[in-house]
Amino acid sequence: MAAVAMSPAGCYQACAPFYGIPPAMLCDVGDIVSSKKTPVQGHFGDLDPLEGFSDKGAVNQLEATLSKADPDKKLWELYRYEKESHAFMNTDEFSASQRAPMKFDAGAFDPETQALAWSRLFDFMKKHVAA
């Protein structure tokens, strides 16, 4: 998202962050939808412990920023996964081994939730990214 916000309009056809929100002092994420007209789809776990980056409060702030920039939600959508933590899409062995030390182990890491997130992402990209 930061790369899109800091790039000239037209550089990106879509933006789909999973779990990370750049700080306001780095870039204006509202600008992504307001002036750059770049569609955004976000995916976040409600149990994410990374305060200010991808926790519930940060996602609430992102939603407020995007709502202000595009009140009709024509260019953005956010998904929150109630039983998931940070990095819930990372299923490789290394990522799994890092969850507990990094306190990301509260989530379910549910294959059905991951499949739903992938499905939403693929549908979004098919809609917004030229073939």
N, C-alpha and C. Protein backbone atom coordinates (compact mmCIF):
# COMPACT_ATOMS: atom_id res chain seq x y z
N MET A 1 0.81 -1.18 0.00
CA MET A 1 0.00 0.00 0.00
C MET A 1 0.86 1.25 0.00
N ALA A 2 1.95 1.24 0.75
CA ALA A 2 2.82 2.41 0.79
C ALA A 2 3.39 2.71 -0.60
N ALA A 3 3.80 1.67 -1.32
CA ALA A 3 4.35 1.88 -2.66
C ALA A 3 3.34 2.53 -3.58
N VAL A 4 2.09 2.10 -3.50
CA VAL A 4 1.04 2.67 -4.34
C VAL A 4 0.81 4.13 -3.95
N ALA A 5 0.72 4.39 -2.66
CA ALA A 5 0.44 5.74 -2.19
C ALA A 5 1.55 6.72 -2.56
N MET A 6 2.79 6.24 -2.63
CA MET A 6 3.91 7.13 -2.90
C MET A 6 4.31 7.16 -4.38
N SER A 7 3.58 6.46 -5.23
CA SER A 7 3.89 6.42 -6.67
C SER A 7 2.96 7.33 -7.45
N PRO A 8 3.39 7.73 -8.63
CA PRO A 8 2.50 8.56 -9.46
C PRO A 8 1.23 7.78 -9.84
N ALA A 9 0.16 8.53 -10.06
CA ALA A 9 -1.11 7.92 -10.47
C ALA A 9 -0.89 7.09 -11.73
N GLY A 10 -1.56 5.94 -11.79
CA GLY A 10 -1.50 5.09 -12.96
C GLY A 10 -0.42 4.02 -12.93
N CYS A 11 0.43 4.04 -11.92
CA CYS A 11 1.50 3.04 -11.85
C CYS A 11 0.97 1.66 -11.48
N TYR A 12 -0.09 1.61 -10.73
CA TYR A 12 -0.65 0.35 -10.25
C TYR A 12 -2.12 0.26 -10.64
N GLN A 13 -2.56 -0.93 -11.00
CA GLN A 13 -3.96 -1.13 -11.36
C GLN A 13 -4.81 -1.53 -10.16
N ALA A 14 -4.19 -2.06 -9.13
CA ALA A 14 -4.91 -2.47 -7.93
C ALA A 14 -3.92 -2.67 -6.79
N CYS A 15 -4.45 -2.72 -5.58
CA CYS A 15 -3.64 -2.88 -4.37
C CYS A 15 -4.39 -3.79 -3.42
N ALA A 16 -3.73 -4.84 -2.92
CA ALA A 16 -4.41 -5.79 -2.03
C ALA A 16 -3.51 -6.17 -0.86
N PRO A 17 -3.45 -5.31 0.15
CA PRO A 17 -2.60 -5.62 1.31
C PRO A 17 -3.22 -6.69 2.21
N PHE A 18 -2.36 -7.55 2.70
CA PHE A 18 -2.72 -8.50 3.74
C PHE A 18 -1.92 -8.11 4.97
N TYR A 19 -2.59 -7.65 5.94
CA TYR A 19 -2.10 -7.35 7.28
C TYR A 19 -1.18 -6.16 7.49
N GLY A 20 -0.90 -5.31 6.58
CA GLY A 20 -0.01 -4.20 6.88
C GLY A 20 -0.53 -2.86 6.40
N ILE A 21 -0.48 -1.86 7.27
CA ILE A 21 -0.96 -0.52 6.94
C ILE A 21 0.18 0.46 7.22
N PRO A 22 0.62 1.20 6.21
CA PRO A 22 1.71 2.15 6.45
C PRO A 22 1.24 3.30 7.35
N PRO A 23 2.14 3.85 8.16
CA PRO A 23 1.76 4.96 9.03
C PRO A 23 1.45 6.22 8.22
N ALA A 24 0.59 7.06 8.77
CA ALA A 24 0.18 8.29 8.09
C ALA A 24 1.36 9.20 7.78
N MET A 25 2.39 9.18 8.63
CA MET A 25 3.54 10.05 8.37
C MET A 25 4.34 9.59 7.15
N LEU A 26 4.15 8.33 6.73
CA LEU A 26 4.83 7.82 5.54
C LEU A 26 4.06 8.18 4.26
N CYS A 27 2.74 8.00 4.31
CA CYS A 27 1.93 8.27 3.12
C CYS A 27 0.46 8.39 3.50
N ASP A 28 -0.30 8.96 2.60
CA ASP A 28 -1.74 9.12 2.78
C ASP A 28 -2.44 7.99 2.03
N VAL A 29 -2.90 6.97 2.76
CA VAL A 29 -3.54 5.85 2.08
C VAL A 29 -4.87 6.25 1.45
N GLY A 30 -5.50 7.29 1.96
CA GLY A 30 -6.73 7.78 1.35
C GLY A 30 -6.50 8.28 -0.07
N ASP A 31 -5.30 8.76 -0.33
CA ASP A 31 -4.94 9.25 -1.66
C ASP A 31 -4.97 8.13 -2.70
N ILE A 32 -4.79 6.90 -2.25
CA ILE A 32 -4.80 5.77 -3.18
C ILE A 32 -6.14 5.71 -3.93
N VAL A 33 -7.22 5.89 -3.21
CA VAL A 33 -8.54 5.82 -3.86
C VAL A 33 -9.04 7.18 -4.31
N SER A 34 -8.66 8.25 -3.62
CA SER A 34 -9.22 9.56 -3.97
C SER A 34 -8.60 10.14 -5.23
N SER A 35 -7.29 10.29 -5.29
CA SER A 35 -6.70 10.92 -6.47
C SER A 35 -6.06 9.93 -7.44
N LYS A 36 -5.55 8.82 -6.94
CA LYS A 36 -4.93 7.84 -7.84
C LYS A 36 -5.95 6.90 -8.46
N LYS A 37 -7.13 6.82 -7.85
CA LYS A 37 -8.21 5.96 -8.35
C LYS A 37 -7.77 4.50 -8.47
N THR A 38 -6.95 4.06 -7.52
CA THR A 38 -6.47 2.67 -7.50
C THR A 38 -7.35 1.86 -6.55
N PRO A 39 -7.98 0.81 -7.03
CA PRO A 39 -8.80 -0.04 -6.16
C PRO A 39 -7.96 -0.72 -5.07
N VAL A 40 -8.53 -0.82 -3.88
CA VAL A 40 -7.86 -1.42 -2.73
C VAL A 40 -8.75 -2.50 -2.14
N GLN A 41 -8.16 -3.65 -1.86
CA GLN A 41 -8.84 -4.70 -1.11
C GLN A 41 -7.90 -5.11 0.02
N GLY A 42 -8.37 -5.04 1.26
CA GLY A 42 -7.53 -5.38 2.40
C GLY A 42 -8.06 -6.59 3.15
N HIS A 43 -7.13 -7.35 3.75
CA HIS A 43 -7.45 -8.56 4.51
C HIS A 43 -6.73 -8.50 5.85
N PHE A 44 -7.49 -8.62 6.93
CA PHE A 44 -6.91 -8.46 8.26
C PHE A 44 -7.52 -9.43 9.25
N GLY A 45 -6.69 -9.95 10.14
CA GLY A 45 -7.15 -10.83 11.22
C GLY A 45 -7.52 -10.01 12.44
N ASP A 46 -8.69 -10.25 12.99
CA ASP A 46 -9.14 -9.51 14.17
C ASP A 46 -8.25 -9.75 15.40
N LEU A 47 -7.50 -10.84 15.42
CA LEU A 47 -6.64 -11.16 16.56
C LEU A 47 -5.20 -10.70 16.35
N ASP A 48 -4.96 -9.93 15.32
CA ASP A 48 -3.61 -9.46 15.00
C ASP A 48 -3.10 -8.57 16.14
N PRO A 49 -1.92 -8.90 16.71
CA PRO A 49 -1.42 -8.14 17.85
C PRO A 49 -0.53 -6.94 17.48
N LEU A 50 -0.29 -6.69 16.22
CA LEU A 50 0.67 -5.65 15.83
C LEU A 50 0.01 -4.26 15.88
N GLU A 51 0.05 -3.69 17.06
CA GLU A 51 -0.60 -2.41 17.32
C GLU A 51 -0.06 -1.31 16.41
N GLY A 52 -1.00 -0.62 15.76
CA GLY A 52 -0.64 0.48 14.89
C GLY A 52 -0.25 0.06 13.48
N PHE A 53 -0.14 -1.24 13.23
CA PHE A 53 0.26 -1.73 11.92
C PHE A 53 -0.84 -2.54 11.27
N SER A 54 -1.44 -3.44 12.03
CA SER A 54 -2.50 -4.27 11.45
C SER A 54 -3.46 -4.82 12.50
N ASP A 55 -3.45 -4.24 13.70
CA ASP A 55 -4.41 -4.63 14.72
C ASP A 55 -5.78 -4.00 14.42
N LYS A 56 -6.79 -4.34 15.23
CA LYS A 56 -8.14 -3.82 14.98
C LYS A 56 -8.19 -2.30 14.91
N GLY A 57 -7.47 -1.64 15.80
CA GLY A 57 -7.46 -0.18 15.80
C GLY A 57 -6.91 0.40 14.51
N ALA A 58 -5.84 -0.19 14.01
CA ALA A 58 -5.25 0.27 12.76
C ALA A 58 -6.20 0.03 11.59
N VAL A 59 -6.88 -1.11 11.61
CA VAL A 59 -7.84 -1.42 10.53
C VAL A 59 -9.03 -0.47 10.60
N ASN A 60 -9.48 -0.16 11.81
CA ASN A 60 -10.57 0.80 11.97
C ASN A 60 -10.17 2.16 11.40
N GLN A 61 -8.93 2.57 11.67
CA GLN A 61 -8.44 3.86 11.15
C GLN A 61 -8.34 3.81 9.63
N LEU A 62 -7.86 2.70 9.09
CA LEU A 62 -7.79 2.55 7.63
C LEU A 62 -9.18 2.66 7.02
N GLU A 63 -10.13 1.98 7.63
CA GLU A 63 -11.50 2.03 7.12
C GLU A 63 -12.05 3.45 7.15
N ALA A 64 -11.78 4.18 8.22
CA ALA A 64 -12.24 5.57 8.32
C ALA A 64 -11.58 6.44 7.24
N THR A 65 -10.30 6.23 7.02
CA THR A 65 -9.57 7.00 6.01
C THR A 65 -10.12 6.71 4.61
N LEU A 66 -10.30 5.43 4.30
CA LEU A 66 -10.82 5.07 2.98
C LEU A 66 -12.27 5.54 2.81
N SER A 67 -13.06 5.47 3.88
CA SER A 67 -14.45 5.93 3.82
C SER A 67 -14.53 7.42 3.53
N LYS A 68 -13.63 8.17 4.13
CA LYS A 68 -13.60 9.61 3.90
C LYS A 68 -13.20 9.91 2.45
N ALA A 69 -12.25 9.14 1.94
CA ALA A 69 -11.76 9.36 0.57
C ALA A 69 -12.73 8.87 -0.49
N ASP A 70 -13.48 7.82 -0.17
CA ASP A 70 -14.42 7.21 -1.13
C ASP A 70 -15.63 6.68 -0.36
N PRO A 71 -16.54 7.58 0.02
CA PRO A 71 -17.68 7.20 0.86
C PRO A 71 -18.59 6.13 0.25
N ASP A 72 -18.62 6.05 -1.07
CA ASP A 72 -19.50 5.08 -1.73
C ASP A 72 -18.87 3.70 -1.88
N LYS A 73 -17.63 3.57 -1.41
CA LYS A 73 -16.90 2.29 -1.45
C LYS A 73 -16.83 1.70 -2.86
N LYS A 74 -16.65 2.57 -3.84
CA LYS A 74 -16.54 2.08 -5.22
C LYS A 74 -15.15 1.51 -5.50
N LEU A 75 -14.15 1.99 -4.77
CA LEU A 75 -12.77 1.59 -5.05
C LEU A 75 -12.09 0.82 -3.91
N TRP A 76 -12.81 0.47 -2.89
CA TRP A 76 -12.15 -0.25 -1.81
C TRP A 76 -13.10 -1.21 -1.10
N GLU A 77 -12.50 -2.23 -0.52
CA GLU A 77 -13.23 -3.17 0.33
C GLU A 77 -12.24 -3.77 1.33
N LEU A 78 -12.69 -3.94 2.55
CA LEU A 78 -11.86 -4.54 3.60
C LEU A 78 -12.55 -5.78 4.14
N TYR A 79 -11.76 -6.78 4.40
CA TYR A 79 -12.26 -8.01 5.00
C TYR A 79 -11.54 -8.25 6.31
N ARG A 80 -12.32 -8.57 7.32
CA ARG A 80 -11.78 -8.89 8.64
C ARG A 80 -12.14 -10.34 8.95
N TYR A 81 -11.15 -11.05 9.43
CA TYR A 81 -11.33 -12.47 9.73
C TYR A 81 -11.28 -12.65 11.24
N GLU A 82 -12.44 -12.94 11.80
CA GLU A 82 -12.67 -12.94 13.24
C GLU A 82 -11.72 -13.84 14.03
N LYS A 83 -11.39 -14.99 13.51
CA LYS A 83 -10.60 -15.97 14.26
C LYS A 83 -9.13 -16.00 13.85
N GLU A 84 -8.69 -15.00 13.10
CA GLU A 84 -7.32 -15.03 12.58
C GLU A 84 -6.44 -13.96 13.20
N SER A 85 -5.14 -14.25 13.17
CA SER A 85 -4.12 -13.34 13.69
C SER A 85 -3.32 -12.79 12.52
N HIS A 86 -2.17 -12.24 12.81
CA HIS A 86 -1.26 -11.73 11.78
C HIS A 86 -0.70 -12.90 10.98
N ALA A 87 -0.49 -12.68 9.71
CA ALA A 87 0.16 -13.66 8.83
C ALA A 87 -0.65 -14.95 8.68
N PHE A 88 -1.96 -14.85 8.75
CA PHE A 88 -2.81 -16.05 8.69
C PHE A 88 -2.77 -16.76 7.34
N MET A 89 -2.24 -16.11 6.32
CA MET A 89 -2.14 -16.75 5.01
C MET A 89 -0.81 -17.48 4.82
N ASN A 90 0.12 -17.27 5.71
CA ASN A 90 1.44 -17.90 5.59
C ASN A 90 1.38 -19.32 6.14
N THR A 91 1.43 -20.29 5.24
CA THR A 91 1.27 -21.69 5.65
C THR A 91 2.56 -22.51 5.56
N ASP A 92 3.64 -21.89 5.10
CA ASP A 92 4.88 -22.65 4.97
C ASP A 92 5.45 -23.00 6.36
N GLU A 93 6.33 -23.97 6.39
CA GLU A 93 6.88 -24.49 7.65
C GLU A 93 7.63 -23.41 8.43
N PHE A 94 8.44 -22.61 7.74
CA PHE A 94 9.19 -21.57 8.44
C PHE A 94 8.24 -20.58 9.11
N SER A 95 7.24 -20.11 8.37
CA SER A 95 6.28 -19.16 8.95
C SER A 95 5.58 -19.75 10.16
N ALA A 96 5.18 -21.00 10.05
CA ALA A 96 4.51 -21.67 11.16
C ALA A 96 5.41 -21.73 12.39
N SER A 97 6.71 -21.95 12.18
CA SER A 97 7.64 -22.02 13.32
C SER A 97 7.86 -20.67 13.98
N GLN A 98 7.58 -19.59 13.28
CA GLN A 98 7.79 -18.24 13.81
C GLN A 98 6.57 -17.66 14.53
N ARG A 99 5.45 -18.30 14.42
CA ARG A 99 4.21 -17.73 14.97
C ARG A 99 4.26 -17.54 16.48
N ALA A 100 4.60 -18.56 17.22
CA ALA A 100 4.60 -18.45 18.69
C ALA A 100 5.61 -17.41 19.18
N PRO A 101 6.88 -17.46 18.72
CA PRO A 101 7.82 -16.45 19.21
C PRO A 101 7.40 -15.01 18.88
N MET A 102 6.67 -14.84 17.79
CA MET A 102 6.24 -13.50 17.39
C MET A 102 4.83 -13.17 17.89
N LYS A 103 4.26 -14.08 18.65
CA LYS A 103 2.92 -13.90 19.25
C LYS A 103 1.82 -13.78 18.20
N PHE A 104 1.96 -14.53 17.10
CA PHE A 104 0.93 -14.59 16.07
C PHE A 104 0.14 -15.89 16.17
N ASP A 105 0.32 -16.63 17.24
CA ASP A 105 -0.26 -17.96 17.33
C ASP A 105 -1.68 -17.98 17.88
N ALA A 106 -2.28 -16.83 18.10
CA ALA A 106 -3.64 -16.79 18.63
C ALA A 106 -4.69 -17.14 17.57
N GLY A 107 -4.34 -17.02 16.32
CA GLY A 107 -5.30 -17.25 15.24
C GLY A 107 -5.53 -18.71 14.93
N ALA A 108 -6.58 -18.95 14.18
CA ALA A 108 -6.96 -20.31 13.82
C ALA A 108 -6.14 -20.87 12.67
N PHE A 109 -5.64 -19.99 11.79
CA PHE A 109 -4.94 -20.41 10.58
C PHE A 109 -5.76 -21.48 9.87
N ASP A 110 -7.01 -21.16 9.70
CA ASP A 110 -8.00 -22.08 9.16
C ASP A 110 -7.93 -22.16 7.64
N PRO A 111 -7.79 -23.37 7.08
CA PRO A 111 -7.73 -23.51 5.62
C PRO A 111 -8.95 -22.95 4.90
N GLU A 112 -10.13 -23.04 5.51
CA GLU A 112 -11.33 -22.50 4.87
C GLU A 112 -11.27 -20.97 4.80
N THR A 113 -10.77 -20.35 5.85
CA THR A 113 -10.62 -18.90 5.85
C THR A 113 -9.58 -18.49 4.81
N GLN A 114 -8.50 -19.23 4.73
CA GLN A 114 -7.47 -18.93 3.74
C GLN A 114 -8.03 -19.07 2.32
N ALA A 115 -8.81 -20.11 2.09
CA ALA A 115 -9.41 -20.31 0.76
C ALA A 115 -10.36 -19.16 0.43
N LEU A 116 -11.12 -18.71 1.42
CA LEU A 116 -12.03 -17.58 1.21
C LEU A 116 -11.24 -16.32 0.85
N ALA A 117 -10.17 -16.06 1.58
CA ALA A 117 -9.35 -14.87 1.30
C ALA A 117 -8.73 -14.95 -0.10
N TRP A 118 -8.21 -16.13 -0.47
CA TRP A 118 -7.66 -16.30 -1.82
C TRP A 118 -8.74 -16.05 -2.87
N SER A 119 -9.92 -16.58 -2.65
CA SER A 119 -11.02 -16.43 -3.60
C SER A 119 -11.37 -14.95 -3.77
N ARG A 120 -11.47 -14.25 -2.67
CA ARG A 120 -11.78 -12.82 -2.73
C ARG A 120 -10.69 -12.06 -3.47
N LEU A 121 -9.44 -12.40 -3.18
CA LEU A 121 -8.32 -11.74 -3.84
C LEU A 121 -8.34 -11.99 -5.35
N PHE A 122 -8.50 -13.25 -5.75
CA PHE A 122 -8.50 -13.57 -7.18
C PHE A 122 -9.66 -12.88 -7.91
N ASP A 123 -10.84 -12.85 -7.30
CA ASP A 123 -11.98 -12.17 -7.91
C ASP A 123 -11.70 -10.67 -8.07
N PHE A 124 -11.10 -10.08 -7.05
CA PHE A 124 -10.75 -8.65 -7.07
C PHE A 124 -9.76 -8.37 -8.19
N MET A 125 -8.73 -9.18 -8.28
CA MET A 125 -7.71 -8.96 -9.31
C MET A 125 -8.28 -9.17 -10.71
N LYS A 126 -9.12 -10.18 -10.88
CA LYS A 126 -9.75 -10.40 -12.19
C LYS A 126 -10.57 -9.17 -12.59
N LYS A 127 -11.20 -8.56 -11.64
CA LYS A 127 -12.05 -7.40 -11.92
C LYS A 127 -11.23 -6.15 -12.25
N HIS A 128 -10.09 -5.97 -11.57
CA HIS A 128 -9.39 -4.70 -11.67
C HIS A 128 -8.07 -4.68 -12.44
N VAL A 129 -7.50 -5.83 -12.68
CA VAL A 129 -6.21 -5.87 -13.36
C VAL A 129 -6.39 -6.34 -14.78
N ALA A 130 -5.91 -5.56 -15.71
CA ALA A 130 -6.04 -5.90 -17.13
C ALA A 130 -5.26 -7.16 -17.44
N ALA A 131 -5.83 -7.97 -18.30
CA ALA A 131 -5.16 -9.23 -18.68
C ALA A 131 -4.04 -8.98 -19.65
